[in-house]
């Protein structure tokens, strides 16, 4: 079992920045985030959950949704069991609840992720 806890959300003006964190833990002493590929997804009001970014276990392979490419950066620190999402040049349309997820493969599909956090709200004002 993996527990994921997101933080760093909040209210920001358009053009601003936020950095989301996702802290991972497990039931065993030997838990290591490094065995998991990680993703960030978001759900805007009235919309389906959508892919944002993903990173492989080693941190050397990343993919982004076209809507965030060039503005968002996903990274990870396996020693700290933490994944980050740096969000720059935020737009009102980025307003959503952001979720991190852990899975066995790097993927755009939420079906490939087994563990999910509770989400953190990001609100971008115009």
Foldseek 3Di string as FASTA:
>chain_A
DKAKAKDFADEEAAQAKIKMKIAMDDDDPPDWLLQWKKFKWWDDPPGDIFGAKIAHSVFPDMDGDPVQPPFWDWGDDRVRRMIMIIGGRDDQVVWTWMKMFIANDTDRDPVRTDDIYPTDTHGYHD
